[in-house]
Amino acid sequence: MPRRIKSAPTPDTASIEDVWELVGELTPQQRHCREKGHRFDIPYDVDVDLFSNEWIEYTKCACHVLKIQRVHRDSGRLGKKRTDYSESPGYVMKGKGRIDKDGRGVFRIANREGNPMYRKALAKAQRNQKRTRKAS
């Protein structure tokens, strides 16, 4: 069992206990995005705002978080950007504060504990360590 990191939360930072609770409520894809960041691919829908002369691009991550990005049609400059979490319930910890570097560490631990590839690598390393001890 991995060592649980304990840190004193600041008033605007979520506690480690709250983050572990969130981890249990998220899908594997949501946990992955919390650790690595979202992957927004090609827009699935586009609108045009003729008044501001901007394209409005809608892209969605695999965890169902939506990004809305405005791009000026003549200059290509990026305009307002908005992220919408309404289609990814539980992704945001409302009222608990931001997740700091220790909190993101919780996602790294959780993403590896449940992954068969990591369990297999750990078992292999442990077998090799036992062989090395016996040979000594």
Protein backbone atom coordinates (compact mmCIF):
# COMPACT_ATOMS: atom_id res chain seq x y z
CA MET A 1 0.00 0.00 0.00
CA PRO A 2 1.50 3.36 -0.99
CA ARG A 3 2.28 5.97 1.61
CA ARG A 4 -0.47 8.57 1.84
CA ILE A 5 0.80 12.12 1.60
CA LYS A 6 -0.38 14.41 4.39
CA SER A 7 -0.29 18.13 3.90
CA ALA A 8 -1.95 20.99 5.71
CA PRO A 9 -4.40 22.60 3.30
CA THR A 10 -4.49 26.34 2.88
CA PRO A 11 -7.94 27.96 2.98
CA ASP A 12 -8.23 27.84 -0.82
CA THR A 13 -6.66 24.37 -1.23
CA ALA A 14 -8.54 21.07 -1.00
CA SER A 15 -7.42 18.65 1.69
CA ILE A 16 -5.77 15.38 0.68
CA GLU A 17 -8.69 13.52 2.25
CA ASP A 18 -11.14 15.44 0.04
CA VAL A 19 -9.06 14.62 -3.03
CA TRP A 20 -9.02 10.88 -2.17
CA GLU A 21 -12.80 11.09 -1.81
CA LEU A 22 -13.05 12.71 -5.25
CA VAL A 23 -10.78 10.04 -6.77
CA GLY A 24 -13.28 7.38 -5.71
CA GLU A 25 -16.11 9.19 -7.48
CA LEU A 26 -14.41 9.79 -10.84
CA THR A 27 -14.22 7.55 -13.89
CA PRO A 28 -10.76 6.33 -14.98
CA GLN A 29 -10.84 8.83 -17.88
CA GLN A 30 -11.64 11.71 -15.53
CA ARG A 31 -8.79 10.67 -13.21
CA HIS A 32 -6.44 10.53 -16.20
CA CYS A 33 -7.43 14.05 -17.26
CA ARG A 34 -7.00 15.32 -13.70
CA GLU A 35 -3.42 14.05 -13.77
CA LYS A 36 -2.31 14.67 -17.35
CA GLY A 37 -4.66 17.40 -18.51
CA HIS A 38 -7.40 17.35 -21.10
CA ARG A 39 -6.92 16.38 -24.70
CA PHE A 40 -9.13 18.50 -26.88
CA ASP A 41 -9.10 17.25 -30.45
CA ILE A 42 -10.68 18.56 -33.63
CA PRO A 43 -13.78 20.71 -33.03
CA TYR A 44 -17.00 18.73 -33.25
CA ASP A 45 -19.09 21.84 -33.86
CA VAL A 46 -18.46 25.38 -35.07
CA ASP A 47 -20.53 28.57 -34.99
CA VAL A 48 -19.83 32.04 -36.37
CA ASP A 49 -20.46 35.28 -34.50
CA LEU A 50 -20.77 37.83 -37.34
CA PHE A 51 -20.99 40.76 -34.93
CA SER A 52 -17.54 40.05 -33.44
CA ASN A 53 -16.29 38.35 -36.63
CA GLU A 54 -15.20 35.23 -34.74
CA TRP A 55 -15.37 31.50 -35.21
CA ILE A 56 -16.67 29.71 -32.12
CA GLU A 57 -15.16 26.24 -31.85
CA TYR A 58 -16.55 23.51 -29.58
CA THR A 59 -14.20 20.68 -28.64
CA LYS A 60 -14.81 17.90 -26.14
CA CYS A 61 -12.34 15.80 -24.19
CA ALA A 62 -12.87 12.05 -23.70
CA CYS A 63 -13.94 12.81 -20.10
CA HIS A 64 -16.78 14.97 -21.52
CA VAL A 65 -15.35 18.35 -20.51
CA LEU A 66 -16.23 20.92 -23.17
CA LYS A 67 -13.95 23.77 -24.34
CA ILE A 68 -15.39 26.72 -26.21
CA GLN A 69 -12.76 28.81 -28.01
CA ARG A 70 -13.27 31.97 -30.06
CA VAL A 71 -10.92 32.69 -32.99
CA HIS A 72 -10.97 35.97 -34.91
CA ARG A 73 -11.79 35.23 -38.55
CA ASP A 74 -9.36 37.75 -40.09
CA SER A 75 -6.36 37.78 -37.74
CA GLY A 76 -6.55 34.26 -36.29
CA ARG A 77 -6.04 35.70 -32.82
CA LEU A 78 -7.53 33.76 -29.98
CA GLY A 79 -10.45 35.37 -28.21
CA LYS A 80 -12.34 34.35 -25.12
CA LYS A 81 -12.02 30.74 -24.01
CA ARG A 82 -14.38 28.93 -21.67
CA THR A 83 -14.36 25.44 -20.19
CA ASP A 84 -17.69 23.80 -19.37
CA TYR A 85 -17.73 20.92 -16.87
CA SER A 86 -21.51 20.42 -16.80
CA GLU A 87 -21.37 17.22 -18.90
CA SER A 88 -18.69 15.72 -16.65
CA PRO A 89 -20.44 15.44 -13.27
CA GLY A 90 -18.20 15.19 -10.24
CA TYR A 91 -15.14 16.52 -12.06
CA VAL A 92 -15.09 19.79 -10.11
CA MET A 93 -14.83 19.79 -6.30
CA LYS A 94 -17.22 22.61 -5.47
CA GLY A 95 -16.60 24.36 -2.18
CA LYS A 96 -13.49 22.31 -1.35
CA GLY A 97 -10.79 24.51 -2.89
CA ARG A 98 -8.18 24.03 -5.58
CA ILE A 99 -6.16 20.85 -5.95
CA ASP A 100 -2.49 21.62 -5.33
CA LYS A 101 0.64 19.60 -6.26
CA ASP A 102 0.10 17.14 -3.37
CA GLY A 103 -3.49 16.67 -4.48
CA ARG A 104 -2.38 15.97 -8.05
CA GLY A 105 0.00 13.41 -6.57
CA VAL A 106 -3.07 11.58 -5.28
CA PHE A 107 -4.29 11.23 -8.88
CA ARG A 108 -0.88 9.88 -9.95
CA ILE A 109 -1.00 7.25 -7.20
CA ALA A 110 -4.62 6.30 -7.92
CA ASN A 111 -4.05 6.03 -11.67
CA ARG A 112 -1.21 3.57 -11.12
CA GLU A 113 -2.67 1.48 -8.28
CA GLY A 114 -5.55 0.28 -10.44
CA ASN A 115 -3.59 -0.20 -13.65
CA PRO A 116 -2.65 -3.84 -14.48
CA MET A 117 0.49 -2.73 -16.34
CA TYR A 118 1.86 -1.06 -13.20
CA ARG A 119 0.87 -3.99 -10.97
CA LYS A 120 2.69 -6.37 -13.33
CA ALA A 121 5.82 -4.19 -13.31
CA LEU A 122 5.76 -4.04 -9.51
CA ALA A 123 5.39 -7.82 -9.20
CA LYS A 124 8.32 -8.33 -11.60
CA ALA A 125 10.52 -5.91 -9.64
CA GLN A 126 9.64 -7.64 -6.38
CA ARG A 127 10.50 -11.08 -7.83
CA ASN A 128 13.83 -9.74 -9.11
CA GLN A 129 14.59 -8.24 -5.71
CA LYS A 130 13.94 -11.61 -4.00
CA ARG A 131 16.27 -13.36 -6.46
CA THR A 132 18.97 -10.76 -5.83
CA ARG A 133 18.70 -11.25 -2.06
CA LYS A 134 18.92 -15.04 -2.39
CA ALA A 135 21.99 -14.77 -4.61
CA SER A 136 23.77 -12.56 -2.06
